[in-house]
Amino acid sequence: MRDQKISKAAAAALLVLVLFADAHAATMPSDSFLLDDVDATTLTAADVDPRPARFAFPPGERLVYQIQAAGIAVGTAELRVARWLAHDGHRIAHVVATGRTNDALSVFFPIRDRMEAWIDVDTGRTLRSATWTQHGRRKESLEYATFDQEAHFLERVEEEKHRARLRESGVDLGPRAMDMLEAFYAARSLPLSIGETTRLPVVASRKVYELRLAVAGREEVEWQGTRANAWVVHPSSHLDGEPLGNGRGELRIIEATRGAPLRLDGWFATPSGFRVLGVDATLVTFDGGELAWPLPEGERTAERFASVTTLEGEPDWEIPSAVRLLRRERGLVPYSRKTPISTAR
């Protein structure tokens, strides 16, 4: 039997292209960021002109999705490039995924999550991420993660407030594993061709799994009162090369939204095995942001997203000697520990 947390992470990966993350609760002000730093300064799209960025999504880009399950409205999801920053020698895109169950569903079981990432716009790699979740009336957690892209290593600290417990871990990322928000934006820059399948290694719940995007065909769709040709893409999630079987869906993608899915139709399974059928996530708002720019020459390629073999979710690769040396110098070794924390305020 697969680990339930891996199943949950993989189910999220199947849907991350349109609806990962929900909204912050009333205790979290709407204008606050989980990721912030007093030394960071604001950049604008004009700062990119002298040196094109690998990350081709400008400040202010905003996607809003309406979510239904079995024909019933359940909530909304939003993904936005909140701002561009300069920090510690990096040009950074601060991306935020939010959303929420609607008022009717929240009466019975509110789901409010928030995920943020700092993505280096010149490498396309995540530097930091933070996730806040509230599921139901009791379950709440806050996680911060730091990605050492030179050492291919992830360190994360999660405070499980409902359990008064701290979970800390260090994870080998392998040659190219990425976090979920990085995967969302990376997938939008992929070249698409009927019959081709791209494999994106994604890290979640201390494991590296694989998100596969198979291009099945083309069809006409309606977008903002006009007809457009859309790619039909089938996403699926895998662990150690085997399908997890926790969902199935179809994405419709057009160029006018810079590769953002117009719609997802499908189903997914919860960790307990319950199937949520008839999931429909539809793009209702697309704000292109301040200014768009082309990717640097040769960047629109799937080659840099090559996957890696894993064993029980851990990368099975020959670690380069330079990476081993960096890890020794920085004291980075895989670990996992849980520590009780005081609930006193």
C-alpha atoms as a PDB file:
ATOM      1  CA  MET A   1       0.000   0.000   0.000  1.00  0.00           C
ATOM      2  CA  ARG A   2       1.325   3.441  -0.918  1.00  0.00           C
ATOM      3  CA  ASP A   3       2.022   5.924   1.831  1.00  0.00           C
ATOM      4  CA  GLN A   4      -1.103   8.068   2.295  1.00  0.00           C
ATOM      5  CA  LYS A   5       0.916  11.263   2.412  1.00  0.00           C
ATOM      6  CA  ILE A   6       2.529  10.417  -0.898  1.00  0.00           C
ATOM      7  CA  SER A   7      -0.909   9.782  -2.367  1.00  0.00           C
ATOM      8  CA  LYS A   8      -2.056  13.143  -1.099  1.00  0.00           C
ATOM      9  CA  ALA A   9       0.986  14.895  -2.552  1.00  0.00           C
ATOM     10  CA  ALA A  10       0.524  13.163  -5.887  1.00  0.00           C
ATOM     11  CA  ALA A  11      -3.156  14.043  -5.991  1.00  0.00           C
ATOM     12  CA  ALA A  12      -2.158  17.657  -5.436  1.00  0.00           C
ATOM     13  CA  ALA A  13       0.399  17.394  -8.235  1.00  0.00           C
ATOM     14  CA  LEU A  14      -2.261  16.144 -10.614  1.00  0.00           C
ATOM     15  CA  LEU A  15      -4.293  19.281  -9.939  1.00  0.00           C
ATOM     16  CA  VAL A  16      -1.479  21.774  -9.290  1.00  0.00           C
ATOM     17  CA  LEU A  17      -1.588  23.130 -12.830  1.00  0.00           C
ATOM     18  CA  VAL A  18      -4.815  24.882 -11.968  1.00  0.00           C
ATOM     19  CA  LEU A  19      -5.915  24.628  -8.376  1.00  0.00           C
ATOM     20  CA  PHE A  20      -3.141  23.985  -5.857  1.00  0.00           C
ATOM     21  CA  ALA A  21      -3.569  26.134  -2.790  1.00  0.00           C
ATOM     22  CA  ASP A  22      -6.454  27.926  -1.218  1.00  0.00           C
ATOM     23  CA  ALA A  23      -6.893  31.156   0.665  1.00  0.00           C
ATOM     24  CA  HIS A  24      -5.529  32.509   3.905  1.00  0.00           C
ATOM     25  CA  ALA A  25      -7.921  32.466   6.848  1.00  0.00           C
ATOM     26  CA  ALA A  26      -9.228  35.456   8.732  1.00  0.00           C
ATOM     27  CA  THR A  27      -6.177  35.265  11.002  1.00  0.00           C
ATOM     28  CA  MET A  28      -3.898  35.985   8.032  1.00  0.00           C
ATOM     29  CA  PRO A  29      -4.302  39.527   6.561  1.00  0.00           C
ATOM     30  CA  SER A  30      -4.778  39.553   2.794  1.00  0.00           C
ATOM     31  CA  ASP A  31      -1.880  41.962   2.293  1.00  0.00           C
ATOM     32  CA  SER A  32       0.689  39.891   4.199  1.00  0.00           C
ATOM     33  CA  PHE A  33       3.311  37.586   2.676  1.00  0.00           C
ATOM     34  CA  LEU A  34       4.628  34.379   4.165  1.00  0.00           C
ATOM     35  CA  LEU A  35       7.914  35.070   2.377  1.00  0.00           C
ATOM     36  CA  ASP A  36       9.389  38.495   3.011  1.00  0.00           C
ATOM     37  CA  ASP A  37      12.745  40.089   3.758  1.00  0.00           C
ATOM     38  CA  VAL A  38      13.628  43.647   4.736  1.00  0.00           C
ATOM     39  CA  ASP A  39      16.681  43.496   2.454  1.00  0.00           C
ATOM     40  CA  ALA A  40      14.620  42.711  -0.670  1.00  0.00           C
ATOM     41  CA  THR A  41      13.943  45.559  -3.114  1.00  0.00           C
ATOM     42  CA  THR A  42      11.217  45.766  -5.743  1.00  0.00           C
ATOM     43  CA  LEU A  43      11.911  45.284  -9.455  1.00  0.00           C
ATOM     44  CA  THR A  44       9.642  45.977 -12.420  1.00  0.00           C
ATOM     45  CA  ALA A  45       9.332  44.348 -15.816  1.00  0.00           C
ATOM     46  CA  ALA A  46      11.511  47.146 -17.238  1.00  0.00           C
ATOM     47  CA  ASP A  47      14.425  45.798 -15.207  1.00  0.00           C
ATOM     48  CA  VAL A  48      14.335  42.667 -17.364  1.00  0.00           C
ATOM     49  CA  ASP A  49      14.884  44.470 -20.674  1.00  0.00           C
ATOM     50  CA  PRO A  50      18.717  44.461 -20.604  1.00  0.00           C
ATOM     51  CA  ARG A  51      18.855  40.765 -19.676  1.00  0.00           C
ATOM     52  CA  PRO A  52      15.938  38.477 -20.678  1.00  0.00           C
ATOM     53  CA  ALA A  53      14.770  36.130 -17.943  1.00  0.00           C
ATOM     54  CA  ARG A  54      14.200  32.392 -18.175  1.00  0.00           C
ATOM     55  CA  PHE A  55      11.049  32.965 -16.112  1.00  0.00           C
ATOM     56  CA  ALA A  56       8.775  34.592 -18.694  1.00  0.00           C
ATOM     57  CA  PHE A  57       5.832  35.639 -16.496  1.00  0.00           C
ATOM     58  CA  PRO A  58       5.681  39.314 -15.522  1.00  0.00           C
ATOM     59  CA  PRO A  59       4.678  41.026 -12.286  1.00  0.00           C
ATOM     60  CA  GLY A  60       0.923  41.306 -11.973  1.00  0.00           C
ATOM     61  CA  GLU A  61       0.017  38.223 -13.989  1.00  0.00           C
ATOM     62  CA  ARG A  62      -3.073  36.737 -12.336  1.00  0.00           C
ATOM     63  CA  LEU A  63      -5.115  33.597 -13.021  1.00  0.00           C
ATOM     64  CA  VAL A  64      -8.428  32.912 -11.298  1.00  0.00           C
ATOM     65  CA  TYR A  65     -10.203  29.551 -11.571  1.00  0.00           C
ATOM     66  CA  GLN A  66     -13.751  28.603 -10.647  1.00  0.00           C
ATOM     67  CA  ILE A  67     -13.842  25.088  -9.182  1.00  0.00           C
ATOM     68  CA  GLN A  68     -16.773  22.655  -9.369  1.00  0.00           C
ATOM     69  CA  ALA A  69     -17.152  19.030  -8.270  1.00  0.00           C
ATOM     70  CA  ALA A  70     -19.991  16.897  -9.655  1.00  0.00           C
ATOM     71  CA  GLY A  71     -21.537  20.078 -11.048  1.00  0.00           C
ATOM     72  CA  ILE A  72     -21.559  21.861  -7.685  1.00  0.00           C
ATOM     73  CA  ALA A  73     -19.527  25.018  -7.109  1.00  0.00           C
ATOM     74  CA  VAL A  74     -16.987  24.365  -4.333  1.00  0.00           C
ATOM     75  CA  GLY A  75     -14.618  27.338  -4.470  1.00  0.00           C
ATOM     76  CA  THR A  76     -12.027  29.334  -6.352  1.00  0.00           C
ATOM     77  CA  ALA A  77      -8.262  29.241  -6.855  1.00  0.00           C
ATOM     78  CA  GLU A  78      -5.866  32.020  -7.833  1.00  0.00           C
ATOM     79  CA  LEU A  79      -2.256  31.998  -9.000  1.00  0.00           C
ATOM     80  CA  ARG A  80      -0.397  35.265  -9.378  1.00  0.00           C
ATOM     81  CA  VAL A  81       3.053  36.747  -9.826  1.00  0.00           C
ATOM     82  CA  ALA A  82       2.785  39.083  -6.858  1.00  0.00           C
ATOM     83  CA  ARG A  83       6.014  41.027  -7.405  1.00  0.00           C
ATOM     84  CA  TRP A  84       9.570  40.924  -8.677  1.00  0.00           C
ATOM     85  CA  LEU A  85      12.395  41.381  -6.196  1.00  0.00           C
ATOM     86  CA  ALA A  86      16.149  41.795  -6.004  1.00  0.00           C
ATOM     87  CA  HIS A  87      17.683  39.919  -3.076  1.00  0.00           C
ATOM     88  CA  ASP A  88      21.169  38.603  -2.293  1.00  0.00           C
ATOM     89  CA  GLY A  89      22.317  38.902  -5.912  1.00  0.00           C
ATOM     90  CA  HIS A  90      19.221  37.220  -7.377  1.00  0.00           C
ATOM     91  CA  ARG A  91      16.359  38.529  -9.467  1.00  0.00           C
ATOM     92  CA  ILE A  92      13.301  36.847  -7.986  1.00  0.00           C
ATOM     93  CA  ALA A  93       9.666  36.289  -8.954  1.00  0.00           C
ATOM     94  CA  HIS A  94       7.481  36.054  -5.865  1.00  0.00           C
ATOM     95  CA  VAL A  95       4.569  33.806  -6.863  1.00  0.00           C
ATOM     96  CA  VAL A  96       1.516  33.131  -4.720  1.00  0.00           C
ATOM     97  CA  ALA A  97      -1.187  30.471  -5.026  1.00  0.00           C
ATOM     98  CA  THR A  98      -4.377  31.083  -3.051  1.00  0.00           C
ATOM     99  CA  GLY A  99      -7.987  29.987  -3.143  1.00  0.00           C
ATOM    100  CA  ARG A 100     -10.748  28.807  -0.855  1.00  0.00           C
ATOM    101  CA  THR A 101     -13.833  26.715  -0.487  1.00  0.00           C
ATOM    102  CA  ASN A 102     -16.942  28.826  -0.975  1.00  0.00           C
ATOM    103  CA  ASP A 103     -19.077  30.103   1.891  1.00  0.00           C
ATOM    104  CA  ALA A 104     -21.613  27.266   1.686  1.00  0.00           C
ATOM    105  CA  LEU A 105     -19.026  24.483   1.839  1.00  0.00           C
ATOM    106  CA  SER A 106     -16.944  26.318   4.426  1.00  0.00           C
ATOM    107  CA  VAL A 107     -19.829  26.070   6.899  1.00  0.00           C
ATOM    108  CA  PHE A 108     -19.222  22.309   7.033  1.00  0.00           C
ATOM    109  CA  PHE A 109     -15.540  21.937   6.168  1.00  0.00           C
ATOM    110  CA  PRO A 110     -13.496  25.046   5.369  1.00  0.00           C
ATOM    111  CA  ILE A 111     -10.320  24.517   3.356  1.00  0.00           C
ATOM    112  CA  ARG A 112      -7.944  27.452   3.255  1.00  0.00           C
ATOM    113  CA  ASP A 113      -4.369  27.028   2.113  1.00  0.00           C
ATOM    114  CA  ARG A 114      -1.704  29.369   0.786  1.00  0.00           C
ATOM    115  CA  MET A 115       1.535  28.555  -1.018  1.00  0.00           C
ATOM    116  CA  GLU A 116       4.298  30.985  -1.977  1.00  0.00           C
ATOM    117  CA  ALA A 117       7.640  30.601  -3.736  1.00  0.00           C
ATOM    118  CA  TRP A 118      10.627  32.753  -4.556  1.00  0.00           C
ATOM    119  CA  ILE A 119      11.766  31.675  -8.022  1.00  0.00           C
ATOM    120  CA  ASP A 120      15.103  32.848  -9.433  1.00  0.00           C
ATOM    121  CA  VAL A 121      14.088  34.307 -12.788  1.00  0.00           C
ATOM    122  CA  ASP A 122      17.479  33.638 -14.400  1.00  0.00           C
ATOM    123  CA  THR A 123      17.607  29.929 -13.543  1.00  0.00           C
ATOM    124  CA  GLY A 124      13.900  29.193 -13.175  1.00  0.00           C
ATOM    125  CA  ARG A 125      14.672  27.426  -9.856  1.00  0.00           C
ATOM    126  CA  THR A 126      12.960  27.854  -6.498  1.00  0.00           C
ATOM    127  CA  LEU A 127      15.021  29.418  -3.708  1.00  0.00           C
ATOM    128  CA  ARG A 128      12.449  29.443  -0.921  1.00  0.00           C
ATOM    129  CA  SER A 129       8.867  28.341  -0.417  1.00  0.00           C
ATOM    130  CA  ALA A 130       6.249  28.617   2.296  1.00  0.00           C
ATOM    131  CA  THR A 131       2.907  26.868   2.741  1.00  0.00           C
ATOM    132  CA  TRP A 132       0.100  27.582   5.184  1.00  0.00           C
ATOM    133  CA  THR A 133      -2.856  25.192   5.379  1.00  0.00           C
ATOM    134  CA  GLN A 134      -6.085  25.012   7.317  1.00  0.00           C
ATOM    135  CA  HIS A 135      -8.340  22.006   6.716  1.00  0.00           C
ATOM    136  CA  GLY A 136     -11.512  21.876   8.761  1.00  0.00           C
ATOM    137  CA  ARG A 137     -11.754  23.648  12.107  1.00  0.00           C
ATOM    138  CA  ARG A 138      -8.669  22.112  13.715  1.00  0.00           C
ATOM    139  CA  LYS A 139      -6.003  21.049  11.251  1.00  0.00           C
ATOM    140  CA  GLU A 140      -3.501  23.837  10.637  1.00  0.00           C
ATOM    141  CA  SER A 141       0.154  23.822   9.628  1.00  0.00           C
ATOM    142  CA  LEU A 142       2.841  26.252   8.510  1.00  0.00           C
ATOM    143  CA  GLU A 143       5.888  25.131   6.535  1.00  0.00           C
ATOM    144  CA  TYR A 144       9.026  26.923   5.332  1.00  0.00           C
ATOM    145  CA  ALA A 145      11.474  25.345   2.888  1.00  0.00           C
ATOM    146  CA  THR A 146      14.903  26.373   1.621  1.00  0.00           C
ATOM    147  CA  PHE A 147      16.283  25.005  -1.646  1.00  0.00           C
ATOM    148  CA  ASP A 148      20.056  24.762  -2.040  1.00  0.00           C
ATOM    149  CA  GLN A 149      20.172  24.417  -5.822  1.00  0.00           C
ATOM    150  CA  GLU A 150      23.981  24.135  -5.898  1.00  0.00           C
ATOM    151  CA  ALA A 151      23.923  21.172  -3.506  1.00  0.00           C
ATOM    152  CA  HIS A 152      20.630  19.789  -4.904  1.00  0.00           C
ATOM    153  CA  PHE A 153      19.213  19.689  -1.395  1.00  0.00           C
ATOM    154  CA  LEU A 154      15.997  20.776   0.323  1.00  0.00           C
ATOM    155  CA  GLU A 155      15.534  21.627   4.006  1.00  0.00           C
ATOM    156  CA  ARG A 156      12.059  22.131   5.401  1.00  0.00           C
ATOM    157  CA  VAL A 157      10.516  22.960   8.774  1.00  0.00           C
ATOM    158  CA  GLU A 158       6.802  22.396   9.344  1.00  0.00           C
ATOM    159  CA  GLU A 159       4.876  23.424  12.429  1.00  0.00           C
ATOM    160  CA  GLU A 160       1.820  21.182  12.806  1.00  0.00           C
ATOM    161  CA  LYS A 161      -0.165  23.445  15.100  1.00  0.00           C
ATOM    162  CA  HIS A 162      -3.047  21.000  15.616  1.00  0.00           C
ATOM    163  CA  ARG A 163      -0.573  18.371  16.846  1.00  0.00           C
ATOM    164  CA  ALA A 164       1.769  20.762  18.684  1.00  0.00           C
ATOM    165  CA  ARG A 165       4.608  19.176  16.742  1.00  0.00           C
ATOM    166  CA  LEU A 166       7.551  20.355  14.665  1.00  0.00           C
ATOM    167  CA  ARG A 167       8.614  18.250  11.674  1.00  0.00           C
ATOM    168  CA  GLU A 168      12.048  18.905  10.166  1.00  0.00           C
ATOM    169  CA  SER A 169      13.666  17.170   7.214  1.00  0.00           C
ATOM    170  CA  GLY A 170      16.522  17.339   4.724  1.00  0.00           C
ATOM    171  CA  VAL A 171      15.897  15.831   1.286  1.00  0.00           C
ATOM    172  CA  ASP A 172      18.082  14.926  -1.693  1.00  0.00           C
ATOM    173  CA  LEU A 173      16.490  16.653  -4.706  1.00  0.00           C
ATOM    174  CA  GLY A 174      18.357  14.657  -7.331  1.00  0.00           C
ATOM    175  CA  PRO A 175      19.467  16.476 -10.482  1.00  0.00           C
ATOM    176  CA  ARG A 176      16.294  18.474 -11.167  1.00  0.00           C
ATOM    177  CA  ALA A 177      13.358  17.999  -8.755  1.00  0.00           C
ATOM    178  CA  MET A 178      11.252  21.130  -8.308  1.00  0.00           C
ATOM    179  CA  ASP A 179       8.513  22.336  -6.017  1.00  0.00           C
ATOM    180  CA  MET A 180       4.887  22.492  -7.156  1.00  0.00           C
ATOM    181  CA  LEU A 181       4.703  26.177  -8.049  1.00  0.00           C
ATOM    182  CA  GLU A 182       7.962  25.981  -9.965  1.00  0.00           C
ATOM    183  CA  ALA A 183       6.508  22.994 -11.852  1.00  0.00           C
ATOM    184  CA  PHE A 184       3.374  24.971 -12.730  1.00  0.00           C
ATOM    185  CA  TYR A 185       5.316  27.794 -14.355  1.00  0.00           C
ATOM    186  CA  ALA A 186       7.930  25.485 -15.897  1.00  0.00           C
ATOM    187  CA  ALA A 187       5.174  23.458 -17.556  1.00  0.00           C
ATOM    188  CA  ARG A 188       3.756  26.614 -19.123  1.00  0.00           C
ATOM    189  CA  SER A 189       7.023  27.218 -21.015  1.00  0.00           C
ATOM    190  CA  LEU A 190       7.158  23.715 -22.513  1.00  0.00           C
ATOM    191  CA  PRO A 191       6.984  23.105 -26.264  1.00  0.00           C
ATOM    192  CA  LEU A 192       3.864  21.081 -27.075  1.00  0.00           C
ATOM    193  CA  SER A 193       3.594  18.411 -29.760  1.00  0.00           C
ATOM    194  CA  ILE A 194       0.908  15.779 -30.260  1.00  0.00           C
ATOM    195  CA  GLY A 195       2.054  12.403 -29.021  1.00  0.00           C
ATOM    196  CA  GLU A 196       4.849  13.801 -26.838  1.00  0.00           C
ATOM    197  CA  THR A 197       5.026  13.302 -23.053  1.00  0.00           C
ATOM    198  CA  THR A 198       7.057  15.531 -20.744  1.00  0.00           C
ATOM    199  CA  ARG A 199       8.142  14.252 -17.334  1.00  0.00           C
ATOM    200  CA  LEU A 200       8.614  16.745 -14.513  1.00  0.00           C
ATOM    201  CA  PRO A 201      10.230  15.547 -11.250  1.00  0.00           C
ATOM    202  CA  VAL A 202       8.425  17.211  -8.341  1.00  0.00           C
ATOM    203  CA  VAL A 203       9.227  17.083  -4.618  1.00  0.00           C
ATOM    204  CA  ALA A 204       6.486  16.859  -1.977  1.00  0.00           C
ATOM    205  CA  SER A 205       6.129  15.176   1.421  1.00  0.00           C
ATOM    206  CA  ARG A 206       9.874  14.440   1.428  1.00  0.00           C
ATOM    207  CA  LYS A 207       9.614  12.325  -1.730  1.00  0.00           C
ATOM    208  CA  VAL A 208      10.423  12.911  -5.396  1.00  0.00           C
ATOM    209  CA  TYR A 209       7.706  11.794  -7.764  1.00  0.00           C
ATOM    210  CA  GLU A 210       6.946  12.437 -11.400  1.00  0.00           C
ATOM    211  CA  LEU A 211       4.275  14.550 -13.056  1.00  0.00           C
ATOM    212  CA  ARG A 212       3.721  13.452 -16.650  1.00  0.00           C
ATOM    213  CA  LEU A 213       2.068  15.690 -19.233  1.00  0.00           C
ATOM    214  CA  ALA A 214       0.972  13.801 -22.343  1.00  0.00           C
ATOM    215  CA  VAL A 215      -0.227  15.854 -25.339  1.00  0.00           C
ATOM    216  CA  ALA A 216      -3.210  13.951 -26.748  1.00  0.00           C
ATOM    217  CA  GLY A 217      -4.412  16.263 -29.530  1.00  0.00           C
ATOM    218  CA  ARG A 218      -5.908  19.591 -30.570  1.00  0.00           C
ATOM    219  CA  GLU A 219      -9.459  20.933 -30.534  1.00  0.00           C
ATOM    220  CA  GLU A 220     -11.347  24.210 -30.826  1.00  0.00           C
ATOM    221  CA  VAL A 221     -12.469  25.983 -27.667  1.00  0.00           C
ATOM    222  CA  GLU A 222     -14.125  29.298 -26.904  1.00  0.00           C
ATOM    223  CA  TRP A 223     -12.113  31.955 -25.113  1.00  0.00           C
ATOM    224  CA  GLN A 224     -13.322  35.513 -24.503  1.00  0.00           C
ATOM    225  CA  GLY A 225     -15.904  35.351 -27.264  1.00  0.00           C
ATOM    226  CA  THR A 226     -13.635  33.894 -29.952  1.00  0.00           C
ATOM    227  CA  ARG A 227     -12.692  30.412 -31.109  1.00  0.00           C
ATOM    228  CA  ALA A 228      -9.136  29.226 -30.516  1.00  0.00           C
ATOM    229  CA  ASN A 229      -7.169  26.029 -31.097  1.00  0.00           C
ATOM    230  CA  ALA A 230      -6.324  24.336 -27.799  1.00  0.00           C
ATOM    231  CA  TRP A 231      -3.900  21.603 -26.873  1.00  0.00           C
ATOM    232  CA  VAL A 232      -5.478  18.670 -25.052  1.00  0.00           C
ATOM    233  CA  VAL A 233      -3.087  17.463 -22.338  1.00  0.00           C
ATOM    234  CA  HIS A 234      -3.449  14.488 -19.978  1.00  0.00           C
ATOM    235  CA  PRO A 235      -1.618  14.893 -16.632  1.00  0.00           C
ATOM    236  CA  SER A 236      -0.767  11.912 -14.430  1.00  0.00           C
ATOM    237  CA  SER A 237       1.375  11.269 -11.349  1.00  0.00           C
ATOM    238  CA  HIS A 238       3.900   8.472 -10.802  1.00  0.00           C
ATOM    239  CA  LEU A 239       6.141   7.185  -8.027  1.00  0.00           C
ATOM    240  CA  ASP A 240       9.200   5.075  -8.838  1.00  0.00           C
ATOM    241  CA  GLY A 241       7.959   4.865 -12.430  1.00  0.00           C
ATOM    242  CA  GLU A 242       4.589   3.394 -11.456  1.00  0.00           C
ATOM    243  CA  PRO A 243       1.279   5.279 -11.861  1.00  0.00           C
ATOM    244  CA  LEU A 244      -0.342   6.192  -8.570  1.00  0.00           C
ATOM    245  CA  GLY A 245      -3.845   5.873  -9.974  1.00  0.00           C
ATOM    246  CA  ASN A 246      -5.186   8.678  -7.822  1.00  0.00           C
ATOM    247  CA  GLY A 247      -6.697  10.764 -10.586  1.00  0.00           C
ATOM    248  CA  ARG A 248      -7.263  11.329 -14.253  1.00  0.00           C
ATOM    249  CA  GLY A 249      -7.958  14.484 -16.177  1.00  0.00           C
ATOM    250  CA  GLU A 250      -7.719  16.577 -19.317  1.00  0.00           C
ATOM    251  CA  LEU A 251      -6.327  20.090 -19.651  1.00  0.00           C
ATOM    252  CA  ARG A 252      -7.115  22.571 -22.436  1.00  0.00           C
ATOM    253  CA  ILE A 253      -4.271  25.011 -23.121  1.00  0.00           C
ATOM    254  CA  ILE A 254      -4.026  27.930 -25.575  1.00  0.00           C
ATOM    255  CA  GLU A 255      -1.194  30.328 -26.401  1.00  0.00           C
ATOM    256  CA  ALA A 256      -3.231  33.441 -25.525  1.00  0.00           C
ATOM    257  CA  THR A 257      -2.903  32.658 -21.810  1.00  0.00           C
ATOM    258  CA  ARG A 258       0.856  31.958 -21.992  1.00  0.00           C
ATOM    259  CA  GLY A 259       0.246  28.257 -21.539  1.00  0.00           C
ATOM    260  CA  ALA A 260      -2.094  28.554 -18.557  1.00  0.00           C
ATOM    261  CA  PRO A 261      -4.813  25.859 -18.685  1.00  0.00           C
ATOM    262  CA  LEU A 262      -8.264  27.089 -19.645  1.00  0.00           C
ATOM    263  CA  ARG A 263      -9.956  24.111 -18.067  1.00  0.00           C
ATOM    264  CA  LEU A 264      -9.380  20.867 -16.217  1.00  0.00           C
ATOM    265  CA  ASP A 265     -11.934  18.053 -16.311  1.00  0.00           C
ATOM    266  CA  GLY A 266     -11.389  14.856 -14.355  1.00  0.00           C
ATOM    267  CA  TRP A 267     -11.433  13.148 -10.972  1.00  0.00           C
ATOM    268  CA  PHE A 268      -9.032  12.519  -8.110  1.00  0.00           C
ATOM    269  CA  ALA A 269      -8.878  10.282  -5.039  1.00  0.00           C
ATOM    270  CA  THR A 270      -8.388  11.460  -1.474  1.00  0.00           C
ATOM    271  CA  PRO A 271      -5.795   9.750   0.788  1.00  0.00           C
ATOM    272  CA  SER A 272      -8.607   7.640   2.265  1.00  0.00           C
ATOM    273  CA  GLY A 273      -9.492   6.350  -1.203  1.00  0.00           C
ATOM    274  CA  PHE A 274     -12.683   8.385  -1.702  1.00  0.00           C
ATOM    275  CA  ARG A 275     -13.101   9.471  -5.331  1.00  0.00           C
ATOM    276  CA  VAL A 276     -14.106  13.056  -6.086  1.00  0.00           C
ATOM    277  CA  LEU A 277     -15.770  12.827  -9.485  1.00  0.00           C
ATOM    278  CA  GLY A 278     -16.592  15.443 -12.068  1.00  0.00           C
ATOM    279  CA  VAL A 279     -13.923  17.972 -11.071  1.00  0.00           C
ATOM    280  CA  ASP A 280     -14.117  21.040 -13.290  1.00  0.00           C
ATOM    281  CA  ALA A 281     -11.670  23.943 -12.922  1.00  0.00           C
ATOM    282  CA  THR A 282     -12.320  26.783 -15.384  1.00  0.00           C
ATOM    283  CA  LEU A 283     -10.227  29.894 -15.964  1.00  0.00           C
ATOM    284  CA  VAL A 284     -12.513  32.888 -15.424  1.00  0.00           C
ATOM    285  CA  THR A 285      -9.921  35.686 -15.182  1.00  0.00           C
ATOM    286  CA  PHE A 286      -6.607  36.160 -16.980  1.00  0.00           C
ATOM    287  CA  ASP A 287      -4.665  39.345 -16.274  1.00  0.00           C
ATOM    288  CA  GLY A 288      -1.460  39.420 -18.295  1.00  0.00           C
ATOM    289  CA  GLY A 289       0.418  41.708 -15.909  1.00  0.00           C
ATOM    290  CA  GLU A 290       2.668  44.676 -16.597  1.00  0.00           C
ATOM    291  CA  LEU A 291       4.592  43.507 -19.650  1.00  0.00           C
ATOM    292  CA  ALA A 292       5.437  40.250 -21.396  1.00  0.00           C
ATOM    293  CA  TRP A 293       8.812  39.351 -22.859  1.00  0.00           C
ATOM    294  CA  PRO A 294      10.146  36.452 -24.906  1.00  0.00           C
ATOM    295  CA  LEU A 295      12.127  33.626 -23.390  1.00  0.00           C
ATOM    296  CA  PRO A 296      15.876  33.722 -24.076  1.00  0.00           C
ATOM    297  CA  GLU A 297      16.857  31.924 -27.276  1.00  0.00           C
ATOM    298  CA  GLY A 298      16.659  28.153 -26.934  1.00  0.00           C
ATOM    299  CA  GLU A 299      14.828  28.149 -23.597  1.00  0.00           C
ATOM    300  CA  ARG A 300      11.541  26.737 -24.875  1.00  0.00           C
ATOM    301  CA  THR A 301      12.645  23.144 -24.483  1.00  0.00           C
ATOM    302  CA  ALA A 302      11.741  20.161 -22.341  1.00  0.00           C
ATOM    303  CA  GLU A 303      15.314  18.847 -22.173  1.00  0.00           C
ATOM    304  CA  ARG A 304      16.210  20.694 -18.966  1.00  0.00           C
ATOM    305  CA  PHE A 305      13.259  19.014 -17.215  1.00  0.00           C
ATOM    306  CA  ALA A 306      14.598  15.481 -17.727  1.00  0.00           C
ATOM    307  CA  SER A 307      13.412  13.164 -14.960  1.00  0.00           C
ATOM    308  CA  VAL A 308      15.414  10.862 -12.713  1.00  0.00           C
ATOM    309  CA  THR A 309      15.013   7.301 -11.496  1.00  0.00           C
ATOM    310  CA  THR A 310      13.800   7.011  -7.902  1.00  0.00           C
ATOM    311  CA  LEU A 311      13.665   4.225  -5.344  1.00  0.00           C
ATOM    312  CA  GLU A 312      10.932   4.594  -2.707  1.00  0.00           C
ATOM    313  CA  GLY A 313      10.708   8.238  -3.708  1.00  0.00           C
ATOM    314  CA  GLU A 314      14.421   8.948  -3.247  1.00  0.00           C
ATOM    315  CA  PRO A 315      16.569   9.926  -6.269  1.00  0.00           C
ATOM    316  CA  ASP A 316      18.698   7.040  -7.521  1.00  0.00           C
ATOM    317  CA  TRP A 317      21.560   8.943  -9.146  1.00  0.00           C
ATOM    318  CA  GLU A 318      25.319   9.236  -9.070  1.00  0.00           C
ATOM    319  CA  ILE A 319      25.911  12.386  -7.048  1.00  0.00           C
ATOM    320  CA  PRO A 320      28.681  14.468  -8.703  1.00  0.00           C
ATOM    321  CA  SER A 321      31.826  14.877  -6.631  1.00  0.00           C
ATOM    322  CA  ALA A 322      31.445  18.674  -6.589  1.00  0.00           C
ATOM    323  CA  VAL A 323      27.938  18.302  -5.118  1.00  0.00           C
ATOM    324  CA  ARG A 324      29.189  15.826  -2.496  1.00  0.00           C
ATOM    325  CA  LEU A 325      31.884  18.305  -1.499  1.00  0.00           C
ATOM    326  CA  LEU A 326      29.391  21.157  -1.184  1.00  0.00           C
ATOM    327  CA  ARG A 327      27.152  19.038   1.018  1.00  0.00           C
ATOM    328  CA  ARG A 328      30.031  18.148   3.294  1.00  0.00           C
ATOM    329  CA  GLU A 329      31.092  21.800   3.565  1.00  0.00           C
ATOM    330  CA  ARG A 330      27.525  22.883   4.371  1.00  0.00           C
ATOM    331  CA  GLY A 331      26.724  19.938   6.648  1.00  0.00           C
ATOM    332  CA  LEU A 332      23.850  18.717   4.461  1.00  0.00           C
ATOM    333  CA  VAL A 333      22.752  15.120   4.986  1.00  0.00           C
ATOM    334  CA  PRO A 334      19.271  13.607   4.584  1.00  0.00           C
ATOM    335  CA  TYR A 335      17.358  13.565   7.883  1.00  0.00           C
ATOM    336  CA  SER A 336      13.867  13.492   9.341  1.00  0.00           C
ATOM    337  CA  ARG A 337      12.798  14.288  12.905  1.00  0.00           C
ATOM    338  CA  LYS A 338       9.726  15.232  14.902  1.00  0.00           C
ATOM    339  CA  THR A 339       9.799  17.418  18.009  1.00  0.00           C
ATOM    340  CA  PRO A 340       6.955  18.308  20.402  1.00  0.00           C
ATOM    341  CA  ILE A 341       6.405  22.038  20.791  1.00  0.00           C
ATOM    342  CA  SER A 342       4.754  24.006  23.562  1.00  0.00           C
ATOM    343  CA  THR A 343       1.195  25.191  22.932  1.00  0.00           C
ATOM    344  CA  ALA A 344       1.613  27.990  25.452  1.00  0.00           C
ATOM    345  CA  ARG A 345       1.151  31.503  24.083  1.00  0.00           C
END
